[in-house]
């Protein structure tokens, strides 16, 4: 089957459009994956029992050593008010 020059150009256009659509779809998938990873990174962690006691003890020790509350809250994912309550 032989193609004319016009048909070849049309096929090239189809391939270019398909490539552009595939690249755009991949960007969308990557953005969704990054968004999901960010949501999971900010997920709350429930501490209980011995782990909670150790966590509170460590936070109090760090505060007494002069570590800023903002830094602790950012690192451990708790609010500044929680740290001040300890």
N, C-alpha and C. Protein backbone atom coordinates (compact mmCIF):
# COMPACT_ATOMS: atom_id res chain seq x y z
N UNK A 1 0.85 -1.17 0.00
CA UNK A 1 0.00 0.00 0.00
C UNK A 1 0.90 1.23 0.00
N UNK A 2 0.71 2.08 -0.97
CA UNK A 2 1.52 3.28 -1.06
C UNK A 2 0.69 4.49 -0.63
N UNK A 3 1.38 5.41 0.02
CA UNK A 3 0.72 6.62 0.50
C UNK A 3 1.17 7.81 -0.32
N UNK A 4 0.28 8.76 -0.47
CA UNK A 4 0.64 9.99 -1.15
C UNK A 4 1.33 10.91 -0.14
N UNK A 5 1.91 11.96 -0.65
CA UNK A 5 2.59 12.92 0.21
C UNK A 5 1.61 13.53 1.21
N UNK A 6 0.42 13.81 0.75
CA UNK A 6 -0.61 14.41 1.60
C UNK A 6 -0.99 13.45 2.73
N UNK A 7 -1.15 12.19 2.41
CA UNK A 7 -1.51 11.19 3.41
C UNK A 7 -0.39 11.01 4.44
N UNK A 8 0.86 11.06 3.98
CA UNK A 8 1.99 10.96 4.90
C UNK A 8 2.02 12.13 5.87
N UNK A 9 1.75 13.34 5.38
CA UNK A 9 1.72 14.52 6.25
C UNK A 9 0.59 14.39 7.26
N UNK A 10 -0.56 13.89 6.83
CA UNK A 10 -1.68 13.71 7.75
C UNK A 10 -1.32 12.69 8.83
N UNK A 11 -0.67 11.61 8.45
CA UNK A 11 -0.23 10.62 9.42
C UNK A 11 0.78 11.21 10.41
N UNK A 12 1.68 12.05 9.90
CA UNK A 12 2.66 12.70 10.78
C UNK A 12 1.94 13.60 11.78
N UNK A 13 0.94 14.33 11.32
CA UNK A 13 0.17 15.20 12.21
C UNK A 13 -0.54 14.38 13.29
N UNK A 14 -1.09 13.24 12.91
CA UNK A 14 -1.77 12.38 13.87
C UNK A 14 -0.78 11.90 14.94
N UNK A 15 0.41 11.50 14.49
CA UNK A 15 1.43 11.02 15.43
C UNK A 15 1.87 12.14 16.37
N UNK A 16 2.06 13.35 15.85
CA UNK A 16 2.46 14.49 16.68
C UNK A 16 1.39 14.82 17.71
N UNK A 17 0.14 14.81 17.28
CA UNK A 17 -0.97 15.10 18.21
C UNK A 17 -1.04 14.02 19.29
N UNK A 18 -0.91 12.77 18.88
CA UNK A 18 -0.96 11.68 19.85
C UNK A 18 0.19 11.78 20.85
N UNK A 19 1.38 12.14 20.39
CA UNK A 19 2.53 12.30 21.28
C UNK A 19 2.30 13.42 22.27
N UNK A 20 1.75 14.52 21.79
CA UNK A 20 1.47 15.65 22.68
C UNK A 20 0.43 15.26 23.73
N UNK A 21 -0.60 14.54 23.31
CA UNK A 21 -1.64 14.10 24.26
C UNK A 21 -1.07 13.13 25.29
N UNK A 22 -0.19 12.23 24.86
CA UNK A 22 0.41 11.29 25.78
C UNK A 22 1.31 12.00 26.80
N UNK A 23 2.06 13.00 26.35
CA UNK A 23 2.92 13.75 27.26
C UNK A 23 2.08 14.51 28.29
N UNK A 24 0.98 15.10 27.82
CA UNK A 24 0.10 15.84 28.72
C UNK A 24 -0.54 14.89 29.74
N UNK A 25 -0.95 13.72 29.29
CA UNK A 25 -1.54 12.74 30.19
C UNK A 25 -0.52 12.27 31.23
N UNK A 26 0.73 12.09 30.84
CA UNK A 26 1.77 11.66 31.77
C UNK A 26 2.02 12.73 32.81
N UNK A 27 2.02 14.01 32.40
CA UNK A 27 2.19 15.11 33.35
C UNK A 27 1.07 15.09 34.38
N UNK A 28 -0.14 14.84 33.91
CA UNK A 28 -1.30 14.79 34.80
C UNK A 28 -1.15 13.65 35.81
N UNK A 29 -0.72 12.49 35.34
CA UNK A 29 -0.53 11.34 36.23
C UNK A 29 0.57 11.64 37.25
N UNK A 30 1.65 12.25 36.82
CA UNK A 30 2.74 12.60 37.73
C UNK A 30 2.28 13.60 38.78
N UNK A 31 1.50 14.59 38.37
CA UNK A 31 0.99 15.58 39.31
C UNK A 31 0.08 14.94 40.34
N UNK A 32 -0.77 14.02 39.91
CA UNK A 32 -1.67 13.32 40.83
C UNK A 32 -0.87 12.48 41.83
N UNK A 33 0.18 11.82 41.35
CA UNK A 33 1.00 10.99 42.23
C UNK A 33 1.73 11.86 43.26
N UNK A 34 2.23 13.01 42.83
CA UNK A 34 2.91 13.91 43.75
C UNK A 34 1.93 14.45 44.79
N UNK A 35 0.72 14.76 44.36
CA UNK A 35 -0.30 15.27 45.28
C UNK A 35 -0.66 14.20 46.32
N UNK A 36 -0.80 12.97 45.88
CA UNK A 36 -1.13 11.87 46.79
C UNK A 36 0.00 11.64 47.79
N UNK A 37 1.24 11.70 47.32
CA UNK A 37 2.39 11.51 48.20
C UNK A 37 2.45 12.62 49.25
N UNK A 38 2.13 13.84 48.83
CA UNK A 38 2.14 14.96 49.77
C UNK A 38 1.05 14.79 50.83
N UNK A 39 -0.13 14.34 50.41
CA UNK A 39 -1.21 14.11 51.36
C UNK A 39 -0.83 13.03 52.36
N UNK A 40 -0.18 11.97 51.90
CA UNK A 40 0.21 10.90 52.80
C UNK A 40 1.34 11.33 53.73
N UNK A 41 2.19 12.23 53.27
CA UNK A 41 3.27 12.72 54.12
C UNK A 41 2.72 13.55 55.26
N UNK A 42 1.61 14.24 55.04
CA UNK A 42 1.02 15.09 56.07
C UNK A 42 -0.01 14.34 56.92
N UNK A 43 -0.08 13.04 56.76
CA UNK A 43 -1.06 12.25 57.47
C UNK A 43 -0.75 12.22 58.96
N UNK A 44 -1.79 12.29 59.78
CA UNK A 44 -1.62 12.27 61.22
C UNK A 44 -1.11 10.92 61.69
N UNK A 45 -0.34 10.97 62.74
CA UNK A 45 0.17 9.75 63.35
C UNK A 45 -0.38 9.71 64.77
N UNK A 46 -1.03 8.62 65.12
CA UNK A 46 -1.55 8.48 66.47
C UNK A 46 -0.56 7.70 67.31
N UNK A 47 -0.09 8.34 68.36
CA UNK A 47 0.84 7.68 69.27
C UNK A 47 0.07 7.26 70.52
N UNK A 48 0.39 6.11 71.04
CA UNK A 48 -0.31 5.67 72.23
C UNK A 48 0.65 4.89 73.13
N UNK A 49 0.30 4.80 74.39
CA UNK A 49 1.06 4.01 75.33
C UNK A 49 2.46 4.49 75.56
N UNK A 50 3.39 3.56 75.57
CA UNK A 50 4.79 3.87 75.86
C UNK A 50 5.38 4.82 74.83
N UNK A 51 4.94 4.68 73.60
CA UNK A 51 5.46 5.55 72.54
C UNK A 51 5.08 7.00 72.81
N UNK A 52 3.86 7.23 73.25
CA UNK A 52 3.40 8.59 73.56
C UNK A 52 4.17 9.18 74.73
N UNK A 53 4.38 8.39 75.77
CA UNK A 53 5.13 8.86 76.94
C UNK A 53 6.54 9.25 76.52
N UNK A 54 7.19 8.41 75.72
CA UNK A 54 8.55 8.70 75.25
C UNK A 54 8.57 9.95 74.38
N UNK A 55 7.57 10.09 73.49
CA UNK A 55 7.49 11.24 72.61
C UNK A 55 7.37 12.53 73.42
N UNK A 56 6.48 12.53 74.41
CA UNK A 56 6.29 13.73 75.24
C UNK A 56 7.56 14.05 76.01
N UNK A 57 8.21 13.03 76.57
CA UNK A 57 9.44 13.24 77.32
C UNK A 57 10.51 13.85 76.42
N UNK A 58 10.63 13.32 75.21
CA UNK A 58 11.63 13.85 74.27
C UNK A 58 11.33 15.30 73.88
N UNK A 59 10.04 15.60 73.67
CA UNK A 59 9.67 16.98 73.32
C UNK A 59 10.01 17.94 74.46
N UNK A 60 9.69 17.55 75.68
CA UNK A 60 10.01 18.42 76.83
C UNK A 60 11.51 18.64 76.94
N UNK A 61 12.28 17.56 76.74
CA UNK A 61 13.74 17.68 76.82
C UNK A 61 14.27 18.63 75.75
N UNK A 62 13.76 18.49 74.53
CA UNK A 62 14.22 19.37 73.45
C UNK A 62 13.84 20.82 73.72
N UNK A 63 12.65 21.04 74.26
CA UNK A 63 12.23 22.41 74.58
C UNK A 63 13.14 22.99 75.65
N UNK A 64 13.51 22.19 76.66
CA UNK A 64 14.41 22.67 77.71
C UNK A 64 15.80 22.94 77.17
N UNK A 65 16.17 22.24 76.10
CA UNK A 65 17.47 22.47 75.47
C UNK A 65 17.45 23.70 74.56
N UNK A 66 16.28 24.29 74.34
CA UNK A 66 16.19 25.53 73.57
C UNK A 66 15.80 25.38 72.11
N UNK A 67 15.28 24.23 71.72
CA UNK A 67 14.84 24.04 70.34
C UNK A 67 13.53 24.81 70.13
N UNK A 68 13.42 25.62 69.09
CA UNK A 68 12.21 26.42 68.87
C UNK A 68 10.97 25.55 68.65
N UNK A 69 9.85 26.04 69.14
CA UNK A 69 8.58 25.31 69.01
C UNK A 69 8.20 25.13 67.55
N UNK A 70 8.41 26.13 66.73
CA UNK A 70 8.06 26.04 65.32
C UNK A 70 8.82 24.90 64.64
N UNK A 71 10.07 24.76 64.99
CA UNK A 71 10.88 23.69 64.39
C UNK A 71 10.38 22.32 64.84
N UNK A 72 10.05 22.18 66.11
CA UNK A 72 9.54 20.91 66.62
C UNK A 72 8.20 20.54 66.00
N UNK A 73 7.32 21.53 65.89
CA UNK A 73 6.00 21.25 65.33
C UNK A 73 6.10 20.86 63.86
N UNK A 74 7.01 21.47 63.14
CA UNK A 74 7.22 21.14 61.73
C UNK A 74 7.81 19.73 61.60
N UNK A 75 8.77 19.41 62.44
CA UNK A 75 9.45 18.13 62.36
C UNK A 75 8.54 16.96 62.71
N UNK A 76 7.77 17.11 63.78
CA UNK A 76 6.98 15.98 64.28
C UNK A 76 5.52 16.02 63.85
N UNK A 77 5.10 17.05 63.15
CA UNK A 77 3.74 17.11 62.64
C UNK A 77 2.69 17.34 63.71
N UNK A 78 3.05 18.07 64.75
CA UNK A 78 2.08 18.42 65.77
C UNK A 78 1.95 19.94 65.81
N UNK A 79 0.88 20.41 66.43
CA UNK A 79 0.69 21.86 66.47
C UNK A 79 1.56 22.48 67.55
N UNK A 80 1.81 23.76 67.37
CA UNK A 80 2.60 24.48 68.36
C UNK A 80 1.88 24.52 69.71
N UNK A 81 0.56 24.63 69.68
CA UNK A 81 -0.19 24.67 70.94
C UNK A 81 -0.05 23.36 71.70
N UNK A 82 0.05 22.24 71.01
CA UNK A 82 0.25 20.95 71.67
C UNK A 82 1.57 20.95 72.43
N UNK A 83 2.60 21.49 71.81
CA UNK A 83 3.91 21.53 72.44
C UNK A 83 3.89 22.46 73.65
N UNK A 84 3.21 23.60 73.50
CA UNK A 84 3.13 24.53 74.64
C UNK A 84 2.34 23.91 75.80
N UNK A 85 1.40 23.05 75.52
CA UNK A 85 0.61 22.43 76.59
C UNK A 85 1.44 21.46 77.42
N UNK A 86 2.50 20.95 76.83
CA UNK A 86 3.35 20.02 77.57
C UNK A 86 4.12 20.82 78.58
